[in-house]
Protein backbone atom coordinates (compact mmCIF):
# COMPACT_ATOMS: atom_id res chain seq x y z
CA UNK A 1 0.07 -0.30 -0.07
CA UNK A 2 2.69 2.14 1.18
CA UNK A 3 4.58 1.47 -2.59
CA UNK A 4 1.29 2.09 -4.43
CA UNK A 5 1.45 5.44 -3.09
CA UNK A 6 4.61 6.48 -3.33
CA UNK A 7 4.44 5.00 -7.03
CA UNK A 8 1.38 7.12 -7.60
CA UNK A 9 3.21 10.31 -6.05
CA UNK A 10 6.27 9.82 -8.15
CA UNK A 11 4.56 9.44 -11.35
CA UNK A 12 2.02 12.76 -10.38
CA UNK A 13 5.44 14.55 -9.72
CA UNK A 14 6.83 13.38 -12.79
CA UNK A 15 3.59 14.13 -15.46
CA UNK A 16 3.47 17.68 -13.27
CA UNK A 17 7.31 18.20 -14.39
CA UNK A 18 6.41 17.10 -17.95
CA UNK A 19 3.60 19.61 -17.86
CA UNK A 20 5.94 22.62 -16.36
CA UNK A 21 8.68 22.29 -19.24
CA UNK A 22 6.36 21.13 -22.35
CA UNK A 23 4.58 24.50 -21.08
CA UNK A 24 7.42 26.59 -21.80
CA UNK A 25 8.22 24.67 -25.00
CA UNK A 26 5.02 25.40 -26.30
CA UNK A 27 4.56 29.03 -25.41
CA UNK A 28 7.43 29.75 -28.28
CA UNK A 29 4.95 28.75 -30.53
CA UNK A 30 2.85 31.14 -29.55
CA UNK A 31 4.91 34.27 -30.62
CA UNK A 32 3.11 35.01 -33.55
CA UNK A 33 -0.29 35.72 -31.43
CA UNK A 34 0.70 37.57 -28.14
CA UNK A 35 -1.70 40.30 -28.86
CA UNK A 36 -4.29 37.91 -29.56
CA UNK A 37 -4.04 36.22 -26.39
CA UNK A 38 -3.32 39.25 -24.47
CA UNK A 39 -6.85 40.56 -25.84
CA UNK A 40 -8.05 36.91 -25.28
CA UNK A 41 -7.06 36.97 -21.22
CA UNK A 42 -8.40 40.42 -20.80
CA UNK A 43 -12.26 39.45 -22.42
CA UNK A 44 -11.83 36.22 -20.14
CA UNK A 45 -11.23 38.11 -17.02
CA UNK A 46 -14.10 40.47 -17.75
CA UNK A 47 -16.07 37.91 -18.58
CA UNK A 48 -15.38 35.64 -15.77
CA UNK A 49 -16.33 39.05 -13.40
CA UNK A 50 -19.83 39.23 -14.88
CA UNK A 51 -20.65 35.85 -15.27
CA UNK A 52 -19.48 35.92 -10.78
CA UNK A 53 -22.19 38.69 -10.45
CA UNK A 54 -24.95 37.53 -13.07
CA UNK A 55 -26.09 34.82 -10.29
CA UNK A 56 -27.04 37.15 -7.57
CA UNK A 57 -29.25 39.45 -9.81
CA UNK A 58 -30.82 37.09 -11.31
CA UNK A 59 -31.72 35.79 -7.56
CA UNK A 60 -32.53 39.11 -6.93
CA UNK A 61 -35.42 38.67 -10.18
CA UNK A 62 -36.60 35.56 -8.65
CA UNK A 63 -36.88 37.53 -5.36
CA UNK A 64 -38.63 40.64 -6.72
CA UNK A 65 -41.20 38.15 -8.60
CA UNK A 66 -42.07 36.30 -5.18
CA UNK A 67 -42.51 39.45 -3.22
CA UNK A 68 -44.27 41.21 -6.05
CA UNK A 69 -41.91 44.17 -6.32
CA UNK A 70 -42.32 45.44 -9.73
CA UNK A 71 -40.56 48.25 -10.03
CA UNK A 72 -37.48 46.69 -8.27
CA UNK A 73 -38.15 43.41 -10.74
CA UNK A 74 -38.11 45.64 -13.87
CA UNK A 75 -34.82 47.61 -13.06
CA UNK A 76 -33.71 43.65 -11.97
CA UNK A 77 -34.60 42.28 -15.38
CA UNK A 78 -32.49 45.51 -17.42
CA UNK A 79 -29.98 44.79 -15.47
CA UNK A 80 -29.94 41.02 -16.08
CA UNK A 81 -30.41 42.35 -19.39
CA UNK A 82 -28.02 44.50 -20.08
CA UNK A 83 -25.23 42.31 -18.70
CA UNK A 84 -26.51 39.08 -20.95
CA UNK A 85 -25.98 41.44 -23.91
CA UNK A 86 -22.30 42.44 -22.66
CA UNK A 87 -21.91 38.48 -22.56
CA UNK A 88 -22.95 38.05 -25.94
CA UNK A 89 -20.48 40.49 -27.31
CA UNK A 90 -17.67 39.22 -25.25
CA UNK A 91 -18.60 35.45 -26.65
CA UNK A 92 -18.27 36.80 -29.82
CA UNK A 93 -14.73 38.57 -29.81
CA UNK A 94 -13.79 35.26 -27.64
CA UNK A 95 -14.46 33.32 -30.76
CA UNK A 96 -12.61 35.86 -33.10
CA UNK A 97 -9.56 35.86 -31.24
CA UNK A 98 -9.70 31.97 -30.45
CA UNK A 99 -9.64 31.83 -33.82
CA UNK A 100 -6.76 33.52 -34.89
CA UNK A 101 -4.71 32.43 -31.80
CA UNK A 102 -5.45 28.31 -32.58
CA UNK A 103 -4.98 28.96 -36.21
CA UNK A 104 -1.45 30.69 -36.12
CA UNK A 105 0.00 28.28 -32.70
CA UNK A 106 -1.25 24.37 -35.03
CA UNK A 107 0.55 26.72 -37.69
CA UNK A 108 3.78 27.26 -36.16
CA UNK A 109 3.66 23.20 -34.49
CA UNK A 110 2.42 21.49 -37.84
CA UNK A 111 5.21 23.67 -39.48
CA UNK A 112 7.87 22.46 -36.27
CA UNK A 113 6.88 18.97 -36.54
CA UNK A 114 7.62 19.17 -40.44
CA UNK A 115 10.49 20.72 -40.36
CA UNK A 116 11.97 18.19 -37.57
CA UNK A 117 10.73 15.53 -38.93
CA UNK A 118 12.88 16.13 -42.50
CA UNK A 119 15.40 16.64 -40.47
CA UNK A 120 15.12 12.89 -39.17
CA UNK A 121 17.69 9.88 -40.14
CA UNK A 122 16.56 7.61 -42.72
CA UNK A 123 17.15 4.77 -39.78
CA UNK A 124 14.33 6.55 -37.28
CA UNK A 125 11.86 6.40 -40.51
CA UNK A 126 12.77 2.46 -41.36
CA UNK A 127 12.04 1.67 -37.93
CA UNK A 128 8.38 3.06 -37.91
CA UNK A 129 5.51 3.15 -39.86
CA UNK A 130 4.31 6.42 -41.40
CA UNK A 131 1.29 6.46 -38.46
CA UNK A 132 3.96 7.96 -35.89
CA UNK A 133 4.42 10.78 -37.70
CA UNK A 134 1.46 11.53 -39.33
CA UNK A 135 -0.76 11.42 -36.08
CA UNK A 136 1.88 12.99 -34.09
CA UNK A 137 1.52 16.14 -37.19
CA UNK A 138 -2.32 16.37 -37.27
CA UNK A 139 -4.08 15.28 -33.93
CA UNK A 140 -1.51 15.88 -31.34
CA UNK A 141 -0.83 19.55 -32.67
CA UNK A 142 -4.30 20.51 -32.52
CA UNK A 143 -4.80 19.15 -29.07
CA UNK A 144 -2.24 21.30 -27.85
CA UNK A 145 -3.32 24.28 -30.04
CA UNK A 146 -6.42 24.10 -28.15
CA UNK A 147 -4.51 24.01 -24.93
CA UNK A 148 -4.67 27.79 -23.64
CA UNK A 149 -8.13 28.41 -25.02
CA UNK A 150 -9.31 25.31 -23.38
CA UNK A 151 -7.58 26.59 -19.79
CA UNK A 152 -9.39 30.66 -20.44
CA UNK A 153 -12.47 28.65 -20.65
CA UNK A 154 -12.32 26.42 -18.09
CA UNK A 155 -10.99 29.17 -15.60
CA UNK A 156 -13.98 31.44 -16.51
CA UNK A 157 -16.41 28.47 -15.85
CA UNK A 158 -14.68 27.98 -12.42
CA UNK A 159 -14.99 31.66 -11.63
CA UNK A 160 -18.66 32.35 -13.11
CA UNK A 161 -19.91 29.06 -10.28
CA UNK A 162 -17.75 30.73 -7.55
CA UNK A 163 -20.35 33.60 -8.29
CA UNK A 164 -23.16 30.89 -8.02
CA UNK A 165 -21.49 29.57 -4.47
CA UNK A 166 -21.14 33.23 -3.47
CA UNK A 167 -24.90 34.25 -4.24
CA UNK A 168 -26.07 30.92 -2.25
CA UNK A 169 -23.66 31.78 0.89
CA UNK A 170 -25.34 35.45 0.79
CA UNK A 171 -28.92 33.71 0.70
CA UNK A 172 -28.56 30.67 3.27
CA UNK A 173 -25.03 29.34 4.97
CA UNK A 174 -26.67 26.25 5.34
CA UNK A 175 -27.58 25.43 1.75
CA UNK A 176 -23.96 26.72 0.46
CA UNK A 177 -22.06 23.99 3.25
CA UNK A 178 -24.31 21.01 1.33
CA UNK A 179 -23.58 22.68 -2.19
CA UNK A 180 -19.75 22.03 -0.69
CA UNK A 181 -20.37 18.87 0.06
CA UNK A 182 -22.26 18.01 -2.98
CA UNK A 183 -19.16 19.61 -5.27
CA UNK A 184 -17.24 17.73 -3.61
CA UNK A 185 -18.97 14.51 -4.36
CA UNK A 186 -19.11 14.85 -7.68
CA UNK A 187 -15.46 16.27 -8.22
CA UNK A 188 -13.97 12.89 -6.64
CA UNK A 189 -15.96 11.02 -8.69
CA UNK A 190 -14.79 12.79 -11.77
CA UNK A 191 -11.22 12.95 -10.62
CA UNK A 192 -11.49 9.09 -10.18
CA UNK A 193 -12.68 8.76 -13.87
CA UNK A 194 -10.00 10.68 -15.27
CA UNK A 195 -7.06 9.02 -13.59
CA UNK A 196 -8.50 5.27 -15.12
CA UNK A 197 -8.91 6.81 -18.49
CA UNK A 198 -5.67 8.87 -18.61
CA UNK A 199 -3.73 5.12 -17.76
CA UNK A 200 -4.53 3.51 -20.99
CA UNK A 201 -4.98 6.83 -23.12
CA UNK A 202 -1.05 6.47 -24.22
CA UNK A 203 -1.63 3.19 -25.59
CA UNK A 204 -4.81 3.80 -27.35
CA UNK A 205 -2.34 6.85 -29.09
CA UNK A 206 0.16 4.09 -30.00
CA UNK A 207 -2.70 1.87 -31.26
CA UNK A 208 -4.04 5.02 -33.64
CA UNK A 209 -0.27 5.42 -34.90
CA UNK A 210 -0.37 2.02 -35.82
CA UNK A 211 -3.81 1.75 -37.50
CA UNK A 212 -3.11 5.42 -39.43
CA UNK A 213 0.44 4.09 -41.35
CA UNK A 214 -1.55 1.23 -42.15
CA UNK A 215 -4.81 2.63 -43.69
CA UNK A 216 -2.56 5.10 -45.44
CA UNK A 217 -0.24 1.82 -46.72
CA UNK A 218 -3.76 0.41 -47.72
CA UNK A 219 -5.10 3.73 -49.94
CA UNK A 220 -1.19 4.49 -51.29
CA UNK A 221 -0.56 0.69 -52.26
CA UNK A 222 -3.87 0.05 -53.61
CA UNK A 223 -2.82 -0.77 -57.19
CA UNK A 224 -0.54 -2.94 -56.13
CA UNK A 225 -2.94 -4.89 -53.61
CA UNK A 226 -5.21 -5.84 -56.69
CA UNK A 227 -2.41 -6.72 -59.19
CA UNK A 228 -1.76 -9.08 -56.28
CA UNK A 229 -5.19 -9.84 -55.57
CA UNK A 230 -4.02 -9.37 -51.60
CA UNK A 231 -7.25 -7.57 -51.11
CA UNK A 232 -8.33 -10.47 -48.09
CA UNK A 233 -4.74 -10.30 -46.69
CA UNK A 234 -4.10 -6.54 -46.48
CA UNK A 235 -7.87 -6.39 -45.06
CA UNK A 236 -7.50 -8.78 -42.76
CA UNK A 237 -4.61 -7.18 -40.99
CA UNK A 238 -6.27 -3.99 -41.28
CA UNK A 239 -9.25 -4.90 -39.60
CA UNK A 240 -7.30 -5.86 -36.86
CA UNK A 241 -5.79 -2.72 -36.66
CA UNK A 242 -8.91 -1.52 -36.19
CA UNK A 243 -10.39 -3.46 -34.11
CA UNK A 244 -7.53 -3.09 -31.86
CA UNK A 245 -8.12 1.02 -31.44
CA UNK A 246 -11.58 0.17 -31.45
CA UNK A 247 -11.44 -2.31 -28.49
CA UNK A 248 -9.13 0.48 -26.61
CA UNK A 249 -11.51 3.73 -27.65
CA UNK A 250 -14.57 1.07 -25.92
CA UNK A 251 -12.70 0.75 -22.79
CA UNK A 252 -12.13 4.02 -22.23
CA UNK A 253 -15.95 4.84 -22.83
CA UNK A 254 -16.95 1.98 -20.73
CA UNK A 255 -15.32 4.03 -17.83
CA UNK A 256 -16.70 6.63 -18.91
CA UNK A 257 -20.36 5.25 -18.80
CA UNK A 258 -19.49 3.70 -15.61
CA UNK A 259 -18.23 6.72 -13.82
CA UNK A 260 -21.53 8.86 -15.44
CA UNK A 261 -24.13 6.43 -14.69
CA UNK A 262 -22.25 6.45 -10.92
CA UNK A 263 -22.53 10.61 -11.23
CA UNK A 264 -25.98 10.34 -12.22
CA UNK A 265 -27.06 8.26 -9.01
CA UNK A 266 -25.33 10.57 -7.03
CA UNK A 267 -26.97 13.71 -8.65
CA UNK A 268 -30.48 12.16 -8.28
CA UNK A 269 -30.02 10.93 -4.28
CA UNK A 270 -28.32 14.81 -3.91
CA UNK A 271 -31.44 16.44 -5.69
CA UNK A 272 -33.83 14.34 -3.17
CA UNK A 273 -31.75 15.26 -0.53
CA UNK A 274 -31.64 18.68 -1.32
CA UNK A 275 -35.86 18.69 -1.33
CA UNK A 276 -35.60 16.87 2.30
CA UNK A 277 -33.08 19.17 3.58
CA UNK A 278 -34.54 22.02 2.64
CA UNK A 279 -37.91 21.32 3.68
CA UNK A 280 -36.49 20.88 7.29
CA UNK A 281 -34.81 23.87 6.96
CA UNK A 282 -37.97 25.55 6.03
CA UNK A 283 -39.69 23.56 9.16
CA UNK A 284 -37.02 25.24 11.53
CA UNK A 285 -37.55 28.87 9.86
CA UNK A 286 -34.29 28.93 8.58
CA UNK A 287 -35.39 29.24 5.29
CA UNK A 288 -37.73 31.39 3.20
CA UNK A 289 -39.47 29.79 0.15
CA UNK A 290 -38.30 32.37 -2.28
CA UNK A 291 -34.50 31.66 -0.97
CA UNK A 292 -35.54 27.93 -1.65
CA UNK A 293 -37.13 28.48 -4.81
CA UNK A 294 -33.53 30.86 -5.94
CA UNK A 295 -31.21 28.35 -5.11
CA UNK A 296 -33.38 25.19 -6.30
CA UNK A 297 -32.89 26.72 -9.64
CA UNK A 298 -28.93 26.54 -9.21
CA UNK A 299 -28.92 22.68 -8.72
CA UNK A 300 -27.06 22.42 -12.05
CA UNK A 301 -24.56 24.78 -11.20
CA UNK A 302 -23.87 23.76 -7.55
CA UNK A 303 -23.14 20.05 -8.44
CA UNK A 304 -21.15 21.10 -11.02
CA UNK A 305 -19.26 23.94 -8.70
CA UNK A 306 -15.83 21.68 -9.28
CA UNK A 307 -16.37 20.20 -12.81
CA UNK A 308 -14.62 23.48 -14.50
CA UNK A 309 -11.37 21.99 -11.91
CA UNK A 310 -12.37 18.52 -13.13
CA UNK A 311 -12.03 19.68 -17.23
CA UNK A 312 -8.71 21.88 -16.48
CA UNK A 313 -7.08 18.39 -14.73
CA UNK A 314 -8.37 16.40 -17.79
CA UNK A 315 -6.85 18.76 -20.31
CA UNK A 316 -3.70 18.75 -18.45
CA UNK A 317 -3.36 14.67 -18.83
CA UNK A 318 -4.31 15.37 -22.34
CA UNK A 319 -1.98 17.98 -23.00
CA UNK A 320 1.25 15.88 -21.13
CA UNK A 321 0.30 12.95 -23.72
CA UNK A 322 0.43 14.86 -26.77
CA UNK A 323 3.31 17.29 -25.64
CA UNK A 324 5.34 14.34 -25.24
CA UNK A 325 4.50 12.68 -28.41
CA UNK A 326 5.29 16.22 -30.52
CA UNK A 327 8.32 16.95 -28.58
CA UNK A 328 9.59 13.40 -29.04
CA UNK A 329 9.97 14.22 -32.65
CA UNK A 330 10.62 17.97 -32.09
CA UNK A 331 13.50 17.54 -28.84
CA UNK A 332 16.77 14.98 -30.42
CA UNK A 333 15.87 12.52 -27.85
CA UNK A 334 13.54 9.56 -28.88
CA UNK A 335 14.05 9.89 -32.59
CA UNK A 336 17.54 10.72 -33.75
CA UNK A 337 18.43 13.50 -36.07
CA UNK A 338 20.61 13.83 -38.87
CA UNK A 339 24.15 15.41 -37.93
CA UNK A 340 26.08 17.36 -40.25
CA UNK A 341 29.73 19.03 -39.91
CA UNK A 342 30.24 22.49 -39.85
CA UNK A 343 32.56 22.79 -43.29
CA UNK A 344 30.53 24.60 -46.32
CA UNK A 345 31.92 23.66 -49.32
CA UNK A 346 30.03 26.05 -52.05
CA UNK A 347 30.99 23.67 -55.25
CA UNK A 348 33.00 20.27 -55.05
CA UNK A 349 34.72 19.62 -57.82
CA UNK A 350 33.50 15.98 -57.84
CA UNK A 351 36.00 13.85 -56.13
CA UNK A 352 35.02 10.92 -54.35
CA UNK A 353 36.66 8.48 -51.90
CA UNK A 354 35.97 5.12 -50.26
CA UNK A 355 38.54 4.22 -47.75
CA UNK A 356 37.71 0.80 -45.71
CA UNK A 357 33.76 1.36 -45.89
CA UNK A 358 31.80 -0.47 -43.37
CA UNK A 359 28.48 -0.16 -42.76
CA UNK A 360 25.33 -2.17 -42.23
CA UNK A 361 21.47 -1.30 -41.75
CA UNK A 362 21.38 -4.10 -38.62
CA UNK A 363 24.24 -4.12 -36.26
CA UNK A 364 25.05 -7.81 -37.21
CA UNK A 365 25.01 -7.49 -40.88
CA UNK A 366 27.26 -4.99 -42.69
CA UNK A 367 26.03 -4.82 -46.50
CA UNK A 368 29.16 -2.54 -47.16
CA UNK A 369 31.95 -4.65 -45.56
CA UNK A 370 35.51 -2.85 -46.01
CA UNK A 371 35.22 -1.52 -49.43
CA UNK A 372 37.58 0.72 -51.08
CA UNK A 373 37.52 2.95 -54.68
CA UNK A 374 38.30 6.51 -55.87
CA UNK A 375 36.55 8.57 -58.35
CA UNK A 376 37.72 11.66 -59.72
CA UNK A 377 36.47 14.71 -60.97
CA UNK A 378 34.04 14.60 -64.26
CA UNK A 379 34.63 10.70 -64.76
CA UNK A 380 32.00 8.43 -65.68
CA UNK A 381 31.74 5.51 -63.71
CA UNK A 382 29.20 2.43 -63.15
CA UNK A 383 28.48 -0.33 -60.37
CA UNK A 384 28.15 -3.44 -60.92
CA UNK A 385 26.90 -6.79 -59.29
CA UNK A 386 24.33 -9.34 -58.50
CA UNK A 387 21.42 -8.05 -56.63
CA UNK A 388 22.06 -7.20 -53.14
CA UNK A 389 25.99 -6.80 -53.28
CA UNK A 390 25.18 -3.56 -51.80
CA UNK A 391 25.05 -0.85 -55.30
CA UNK A 392 22.36 1.06 -54.26
CA UNK A 393 23.58 1.39 -50.55
CA UNK A 394 27.05 3.04 -52.04
CA UNK A 395 24.90 5.99 -53.29
CA UNK A 396 22.71 6.44 -49.78
CA UNK A 397 25.85 6.75 -48.08
CA UNK A 398 27.42 9.35 -50.50
CA UNK A 399 24.50 11.62 -50.51
CA UNK A 400 24.56 10.88 -46.61
CA UNK A 401 20.76 9.34 -46.29
CA UNK A 402 22.83 6.73 -43.75
CA UNK A 403 25.91 7.52 -41.53
CA UNK A 404 28.75 4.96 -42.14
CA UNK A 405 29.77 2.20 -38.98
CA UNK A 406 33.40 2.32 -40.02
CA UNK A 407 36.12 3.74 -42.29
CA UNK A 408 35.88 7.21 -44.09
CA UNK A 409 33.89 8.30 -47.58
CA UNK A 410 36.13 11.86 -48.71
CA UNK A 411 34.63 14.19 -51.28
CA UNK A 412 37.27 16.49 -52.26
CA UNK A 413 39.22 15.18 -49.75
CA UNK A 414 36.77 16.16 -47.14
CA UNK A 415 35.68 13.73 -44.70
CA UNK A 416 32.05 13.36 -45.12
CA UNK A 417 31.04 13.82 -41.67
CA UNK A 418 32.33 17.56 -41.54
CA UNK A 419 30.19 18.96 -44.10
CA UNK A 420 27.62 20.32 -43.33
CA UNK A 421 24.48 18.92 -45.25
CA UNK A 422 24.25 21.89 -48.26
CA UNK A 423 27.87 20.97 -48.79
CA UNK A 424 26.49 17.69 -49.83
CA UNK A 425 23.01 17.52 -51.15
CA UNK A 426 23.10 20.92 -53.30
CA UNK A 427 26.41 19.14 -54.87
CA UNK A 428 24.49 15.82 -56.09
CA UNK A 429 21.66 14.64 -57.70
CA UNK A 430 20.46 11.33 -57.69
CA UNK A 431 17.63 9.30 -60.05
CA UNK A 432 16.32 6.63 -58.55
CA UNK A 433 14.94 3.23 -59.46
CA UNK A 434 11.36 3.88 -58.19
CA UNK A 435 11.60 7.82 -57.73
CA UNK A 436 8.52 9.41 -55.64
CA UNK A 437 6.56 12.23 -57.55
CA UNK A 438 4.53 14.65 -55.62
CA UNK A 439 0.67 15.29 -55.77
CA UNK A 440 1.70 18.72 -57.33
CA UNK A 441 1.33 19.87 -61.30
CA UNK A 442 4.44 18.80 -63.21
CA UNK A 443 6.41 22.00 -63.22
CA UNK A 444 5.61 22.36 -59.31
CA UNK A 445 7.10 18.73 -59.37
CA UNK A 446 10.18 19.92 -60.91
CA UNK A 447 10.70 23.42 -59.04
CA UNK A 448 11.11 21.26 -56.24
CA UNK A 449 14.43 20.80 -57.55
CA UNK A 450 14.72 24.20 -58.16
CA UNK A 451 12.56 26.81 -57.19
CA UNK A 452 13.86 30.10 -59.13
CA UNK A 453 14.42 28.17 -62.43
CA UNK A 454 12.71 29.44 -65.60
CA UNK A 455 10.10 27.86 -67.90
CA UNK A 456 13.15 27.58 -69.94
CA UNK A 457 15.64 26.04 -67.48
CA UNK A 458 12.40 23.89 -67.12
CA UNK A 459 11.60 22.95 -70.48
CA UNK A 460 15.56 22.25 -71.77
CA UNK A 461 16.10 19.58 -68.88
CA UNK A 462 12.97 18.17 -69.98
CA UNK A 463 14.14 17.63 -73.32
CA UNK A 464 17.50 16.51 -72.64
CA UNK A 465 15.49 13.87 -70.56
CA UNK A 466 13.23 13.00 -73.50
CA UNK A 467 9.82 13.96 -71.93
CA UNK A 468 8.92 17.34 -73.14
CA UNK A 469 7.21 15.85 -75.90
CA UNK A 470 4.63 13.89 -73.86
CA UNK A 471 4.27 17.14 -71.45
CA UNK A 472 3.39 19.76 -73.93
CA UNK A 473 0.71 16.66 -75.32
CA UNK A 474 -1.57 17.29 -72.23
CA UNK A 475 -4.41 19.24 -71.98
CA UNK A 476 -2.76 21.37 -68.96
CA UNK A 477 0.98 20.82 -70.46
CA UNK A 478 3.11 21.86 -67.50
CA UNK A 479 0.02 22.45 -65.07
CA UNK A 480 -1.12 18.86 -64.99
CA UNK A 481 -1.74 17.41 -61.54
CA UNK A 482 -0.21 14.39 -61.88
CA UNK A 483 -1.54 12.95 -58.81
CA UNK A 484 -0.31 10.73 -55.87
CA UNK A 485 3.69 9.31 -56.73
CA UNK A 486 2.74 10.60 -60.51
CA UNK A 487 -0.01 7.80 -60.67
CA UNK A 488 -0.85 9.43 -64.47
CA UNK A 489 2.64 8.47 -65.63
CA UNK A 490 4.01 5.25 -66.45
CA UNK A 491 7.08 3.90 -64.79
CA UNK A 492 9.64 4.78 -67.40
CA UNK A 493 7.65 8.79 -67.64
CA UNK A 494 8.05 8.82 -63.78
CA UNK A 495 11.84 8.46 -64.26
CA UNK A 496 12.51 10.12 -67.22
CA UNK A 497 10.76 13.51 -64.87
CA UNK A 498 12.85 12.75 -61.82
CA UNK A 499 15.77 12.76 -64.45
CA UNK A 500 14.42 16.13 -65.27
CA UNK A 501 14.19 17.54 -61.88
CA UNK A 502 17.79 16.28 -60.97
CA UNK A 503 19.49 17.41 -64.58
CA UNK A 504 17.64 20.93 -63.04
CA UNK A 505 19.83 20.87 -59.95
CA UNK A 506 23.09 21.27 -62.05
CA UNK A 507 24.81 19.84 -59.69
CA UNK A 508 28.31 18.33 -60.22
CA UNK A 509 27.79 15.02 -59.11
CA UNK A 510 24.79 13.07 -60.79
CA UNK A 511 23.79 9.62 -59.40
CA UNK A 512 21.60 7.51 -61.89
CA UNK A 513 20.49 4.01 -59.45
CA UNK A 514 19.08 2.01 -62.27
CA UNK A 515 17.28 5.23 -63.66
CA UNK A 516 16.60 3.76 -67.18
CA UNK A 517 15.70 -0.22 -66.02
CA UNK A 518 11.57 1.22 -66.50
CA UNK A 519 12.49 2.13 -70.31
CA UNK A 520 11.82 0.63 -73.30
CA UNK A 521 14.81 0.52 -75.77
CA UNK A 522 14.13 3.16 -77.94
CA UNK A 523 13.90 5.76 -75.02
CA UNK A 524 16.64 4.05 -73.08
CA UNK A 525 19.10 5.16 -75.65
CA UNK A 526 17.71 8.06 -75.83
CA UNK A 527 18.62 9.02 -72.50
CA UNK A 528 21.84 6.66 -72.50
CA UNK A 529 22.64 9.35 -75.38
CA UNK A 530 21.61 12.10 -73.41
CA UNK A 531 23.87 11.03 -70.43
CA UNK A 532 26.40 10.68 -73.17
CA UNK A 533 26.32 14.58 -73.62
CA UNK A 534 27.25 15.10 -70.00
CA UNK A 535 29.95 13.36 -70.02
CA UNK A 536 33.36 15.30 -69.41
CA UNK A 537 31.24 17.98 -67.75
CA UNK A 538 29.97 16.16 -64.33
CA UNK A 539 31.07 13.35 -61.93
CA UNK A 540 28.65 10.23 -63.28
CA UNK A 541 27.89 7.31 -60.93
CA UNK A 542 25.48 4.67 -62.23
CA UNK A 543 24.52 1.59 -60.51
CA UNK A 544 23.47 -0.63 -63.77
CA UNK A 545 21.54 -3.97 -63.66
CA UNK A 546 22.47 -3.99 -68.00
CA UNK A 547 25.56 -3.84 -68.25
CA UNK A 548 25.52 -3.42 -71.64
CA UNK A 549 24.45 0.50 -70.74
CA UNK A 550 27.52 1.26 -69.21
CA UNK A 551 30.49 -0.36 -71.16
CA UNK A 552 31.62 2.49 -72.26
CA UNK A 553 32.41 4.11 -68.70
CA UNK A 554 35.60 5.50 -67.86
CA UNK A 555 35.69 3.14 -64.98
CA UNK A 556 33.31 -0.04 -63.74
CA UNK A 557 33.73 -0.90 -59.95
CA UNK A 558 32.65 -4.57 -59.82
CA UNK A 559 31.15 -5.15 -56.28
CA UNK A 560 30.25 -8.42 -54.50
CA UNK A 561 29.56 -9.00 -51.00
CA UNK A 562 30.30 -5.73 -49.84
CA UNK A 563 33.58 -5.04 -51.54
CA UNK A 564 34.88 -3.96 -54.76
CA UNK A 565 36.27 -6.94 -56.31
CA UNK A 566 38.09 -5.49 -59.17
CA UNK A 567 37.88 -2.27 -61.49
CA UNK A 568 38.55 -0.91 -64.88
CA UNK A 569 37.04 -0.39 -68.00
CA UNK A 570 35.05 -2.94 -69.44
CA UNK A 571 37.80 -4.11 -71.81
CA UNK A 572 40.06 -4.62 -69.29
CA UNK A 573 37.59 -6.72 -67.07
CA UNK A 574 36.54 -8.85 -69.47
CA UNK A 575 40.34 -10.00 -69.17
CA UNK A 576 41.15 -9.92 -66.14
CA UNK A 577 38.19 -10.53 -64.26
CA UNK A 578 35.80 -13.86 -64.28
CA UNK A 579 33.28 -12.34 -62.32
CA UNK A 580 32.66 -9.57 -64.33
CA UNK A 581 32.94 -11.63 -67.23
CA UNK A 582 30.14 -14.06 -66.37
CA UNK A 583 27.71 -10.88 -65.38
CA UNK A 584 28.20 -9.86 -69.04
CA UNK A 585 27.66 -12.50 -71.06
CA UNK A 586 24.53 -13.43 -69.05
CA UNK A 587 23.27 -9.85 -69.70
CA UNK A 588 24.19 -10.69 -73.30
CA UNK A 589 21.84 -13.62 -72.89
CA UNK A 590 18.83 -12.06 -71.60
């Protein structure tokens, strides 16, 4: 029992510390709306004061009615009308200010989460589903953005009910004591409900993340699901996650239902006791009928005196859960961020060197295992080897998507770990096997590579990539919206658009990762000629499945089991490397 107390107290202190710390962090995101906050707080204070006075005047109206004092009744009624009119004006301005504050805070938070998500190490993205970040970006930021408004609302509610309590104290001290006792009973029930709901709230959030990730994959992968005839299988998994999330939500609703049932019974008993207690006070000449009627009309307020406090406590807990999840992304704690060096190089010449590099996606399995090679500026080189040999991983390391476990990668003689992000990624572009095309227009997809590109720049890049003719044949041409991941484009068209996007960057280093694998022979030949036109001006690295497409490279690196086992020109490798010769002959036979 004692241990349970200390564990509970320790949890309370931890939540309190998290709450205070996260409030301070969140305050930063309200910096754009301080004037609105001051206005909202000022209006809320006025509202609370007026709301506290209103019950006293309303009580006076009822007294005047029961006592038949018409003149005083009219004056009291006018006072109530004026006060309520002022309150409605206040409500209007509060709503206006609330929208401003909520919108600005939400925008600032969501931009911050989006920005920090883009800084995450790819390893972290690999570990979890997209739902982890989607839910935090959308739902949790909304909860936090509403926090300050909820606090001012429920604080006003509490102050208003204090006004009711003061009115009851003035009218009858015995029923005042009863009102306090009733409020405490309702408060205890609600607080117990809150603690039980909070115990499963974090788990609900985690399950919701998994559900969001899986349902997102269901929509994004619908074409493959249909082709694989995997609707039953994916629906089974999705249903499992939906049911799991629903069950946890039902658990929360059951807790709420049970405590609502208990609370309603307590309220009914309180109503009955109130009438009996009032009758006893009247019988003892300690209560008049008009006063009894007035206080009876305040039954709801009497029982809800501390409801605002419960709501504040509930929102505290929601805020702790949501803010902890948000700052796991924003802060560099649970999810690791990319770390770059401080050396800034505007233009790299294109020299690349691997010195005994080791890397594995998992600690016990190196994909790159002691790799060494060197590329000179403006060389056209190719990496060939069996599937899974580590060719694509080389590109992921050069672009610093992953950090190596051991060894060194040198760009123009600089250790890649010493260079800042812009020095690496502004100096190289990559065309992947499966490029991601955004649900923008064709033009906007291309402008991602170079924001200030002119239409002439865009069309020149598309002409080199052999896609300009196709784009110009579309009804809206470069303004055509191409759907999520370029759904209206063929595989070859997506790759050509990605090539144009990379060419538009005009980087010194260009990486082609199976960039022509989805193209027909004629288009592939055109792209090969386009690549050949770049030769001598750029450092070009090609990962190739078809060896026939890279035979004219200045140098070919043969990769096997995470190492470069041989290198040289095509003719040279045919003579000295049996492994390469077998790959080439197999390619010719296909």
